[in-house]
Amino acid sequence: MCYNQFRYTIRYRKGVRNIARLADVRQAHGMTQEELAKASGVHRVTIARIETGEVSPMAETLKRLADALGVLVDDLMKAG
């Protein structure tokens, strides 16, 4: 599988693309997008785009966000 096919597969697989829990977990921790950006080193605009489903985060980005929130990556991906 070439790199572009891999990116397409990751981007459009429902389980990876839907990181809707990020906003819920962030808000439950009382953090703004700006605070999460500073804590994780991920740009605030990127966080907003992930929360709206506009982009799919790479594994490293998910790990940085999860670490900053003190949760597991799986917690950001669980439904409901």
C-alpha atoms as a PDB file:
ATOM      1  CA  MET A   1       0.000   0.000   0.000  1.00  0.00           C
ATOM      2  CA  CYS A   2       1.467   3.348  -0.961  1.00  0.00           C
ATOM      3  CA  TYR A   3       1.508   6.313   1.407  1.00  0.00           C
ATOM      4  CA  ASN A   4      -1.426   8.138  -0.254  1.00  0.00           C
ATOM      5  CA  GLN A   5      -3.608   5.013  -0.142  1.00  0.00           C
ATOM      6  CA  PHE A   6      -2.702   4.574   3.530  1.00  0.00           C
ATOM      7  CA  ARG A   7      -3.620   8.183   4.307  1.00  0.00           C
ATOM      8  CA  TYR A   8      -6.938   7.796   2.485  1.00  0.00           C
ATOM      9  CA  THR A   9      -7.705   4.588   4.383  1.00  0.00           C
ATOM     10  CA  ILE A  10      -6.948   6.162   7.759  1.00  0.00           C
ATOM     11  CA  ARG A  11      -8.774   9.379   6.950  1.00  0.00           C
ATOM     12  CA  TYR A  12     -12.045   7.783   5.937  1.00  0.00           C
ATOM     13  CA  ARG A  13     -12.312   4.818   8.284  1.00  0.00           C
ATOM     14  CA  LYS A  14     -15.188   5.663  10.617  1.00  0.00           C
ATOM     15  CA  GLY A  15     -13.436   4.560  13.806  1.00  0.00           C
ATOM     16  CA  VAL A  16     -10.404   6.740  13.168  1.00  0.00           C
ATOM     17  CA  ARG A  17     -12.083   9.736  11.607  1.00  0.00           C
ATOM     18  CA  ASN A  18     -14.685  10.223  14.340  1.00  0.00           C
ATOM     19  CA  ILE A  19     -12.810  11.705  17.278  1.00  0.00           C
ATOM     20  CA  ALA A  20     -15.896  13.571  18.450  1.00  0.00           C
ATOM     21  CA  ARG A  21     -15.112  12.663  22.043  1.00  0.00           C
ATOM     22  CA  LEU A  22     -12.152  15.049  22.059  1.00  0.00           C
ATOM     23  CA  ALA A  23     -14.362  18.081  22.696  1.00  0.00           C
ATOM     24  CA  ASP A  24     -16.317  16.241  25.412  1.00  0.00           C
ATOM     25  CA  VAL A  25     -13.184  15.090  27.216  1.00  0.00           C
ATOM     26  CA  ARG A  26     -11.530  18.503  26.867  1.00  0.00           C
ATOM     27  CA  GLN A  27     -14.581  20.265  28.280  1.00  0.00           C
ATOM     28  CA  ALA A  28     -14.911  17.721  31.098  1.00  0.00           C
ATOM     29  CA  HIS A  29     -11.360  18.645  32.098  1.00  0.00           C
ATOM     30  CA  GLY A  30     -12.341  22.319  32.071  1.00  0.00           C
ATOM     31  CA  MET A  31      -9.918  23.167  29.284  1.00  0.00           C
ATOM     32  CA  THR A  32     -10.330  25.505  26.359  1.00  0.00           C
ATOM     33  CA  GLN A  33      -8.916  24.645  22.960  1.00  0.00           C
ATOM     34  CA  GLU A  34      -6.164  27.194  23.595  1.00  0.00           C
ATOM     35  CA  GLU A  35      -5.224  25.592  26.930  1.00  0.00           C
ATOM     36  CA  LEU A  36      -5.154  22.137  25.355  1.00  0.00           C
ATOM     37  CA  ALA A  37      -3.031  23.500  22.527  1.00  0.00           C
ATOM     38  CA  LYS A  38      -0.457  24.862  24.975  1.00  0.00           C
ATOM     39  CA  ALA A  39      -0.433  21.668  27.053  1.00  0.00           C
ATOM     40  CA  SER A  40      -0.150  19.325  24.066  1.00  0.00           C
ATOM     41  CA  GLY A  41       1.882  21.337  21.576  1.00  0.00           C
ATOM     42  CA  VAL A  42      -0.859  20.841  18.966  1.00  0.00           C
ATOM     43  CA  HIS A  43      -2.026  24.039  17.252  1.00  0.00           C
ATOM     44  CA  ARG A  44      -5.438  25.299  18.388  1.00  0.00           C
ATOM     45  CA  VAL A  45      -6.778  25.391  14.831  1.00  0.00           C
ATOM     46  CA  THR A  46      -5.791  21.736  14.413  1.00  0.00           C
ATOM     47  CA  ILE A  47      -7.671  20.848  17.585  1.00  0.00           C
ATOM     48  CA  ALA A  48     -10.763  22.696  16.322  1.00  0.00           C
ATOM     49  CA  ARG A  49     -10.548  20.900  12.973  1.00  0.00           C
ATOM     50  CA  ILE A  50     -10.224  17.519  14.714  1.00  0.00           C
ATOM     51  CA  GLU A  51     -13.208  18.268  16.955  1.00  0.00           C
ATOM     52  CA  THR A  52     -15.398  19.170  13.995  1.00  0.00           C
ATOM     53  CA  GLY A  53     -14.293  16.136  11.996  1.00  0.00           C
ATOM     54  CA  GLU A  54     -12.735  18.267   9.293  1.00  0.00           C
ATOM     55  CA  VAL A  55      -9.411  16.436   9.609  1.00  0.00           C
ATOM     56  CA  SER A  56      -8.241  13.145  11.013  1.00  0.00           C
ATOM     57  CA  PRO A  57      -5.388  13.296  13.486  1.00  0.00           C
ATOM     58  CA  MET A  58      -2.253  11.270  13.063  1.00  0.00           C
ATOM     59  CA  ALA A  59      -1.437   8.773  15.813  1.00  0.00           C
ATOM     60  CA  GLU A  60       1.247  11.028  17.306  1.00  0.00           C
ATOM     61  CA  THR A  61      -1.198  13.940  17.507  1.00  0.00           C
ATOM     62  CA  LEU A  62      -3.782  11.770  19.266  1.00  0.00           C
ATOM     63  CA  LYS A  63      -1.138  10.616  21.739  1.00  0.00           C
ATOM     64  CA  ARG A  64      -0.098  14.190  22.507  1.00  0.00           C
ATOM     65  CA  LEU A  65      -3.708  15.259  23.044  1.00  0.00           C
ATOM     66  CA  ALA A  66      -4.494  12.246  25.220  1.00  0.00           C
ATOM     67  CA  ASP A  67      -1.359  12.786  27.319  1.00  0.00           C
ATOM     68  CA  ALA A  68      -2.211  16.461  27.844  1.00  0.00           C
ATOM     69  CA  LEU A  69      -5.712  15.454  28.985  1.00  0.00           C
ATOM     70  CA  GLY A  70      -4.457  12.596  31.170  1.00  0.00           C
ATOM     71  CA  VAL A  71      -6.498   9.967  29.332  1.00  0.00           C
ATOM     72  CA  LEU A  72      -5.844   7.051  27.005  1.00  0.00           C
ATOM     73  CA  VAL A  73      -6.077   7.498  23.243  1.00  0.00           C
ATOM     74  CA  ASP A  74      -8.918   4.940  23.315  1.00  0.00           C
ATOM     75  CA  ASP A  75     -10.901   7.294  25.561  1.00  0.00           C
ATOM     76  CA  LEU A  76     -10.927   9.883  22.773  1.00  0.00           C
ATOM     77  CA  MET A  77     -12.208   7.365  20.264  1.00  0.00           C
ATOM     78  CA  LYS A  78     -14.973   5.635  22.218  1.00  0.00           C
ATOM     79  CA  ALA A  79     -18.535   6.280  21.158  1.00  0.00           C
ATOM     80  CA  GLY A  80     -20.899   8.034  23.533  1.00  0.00           C
END
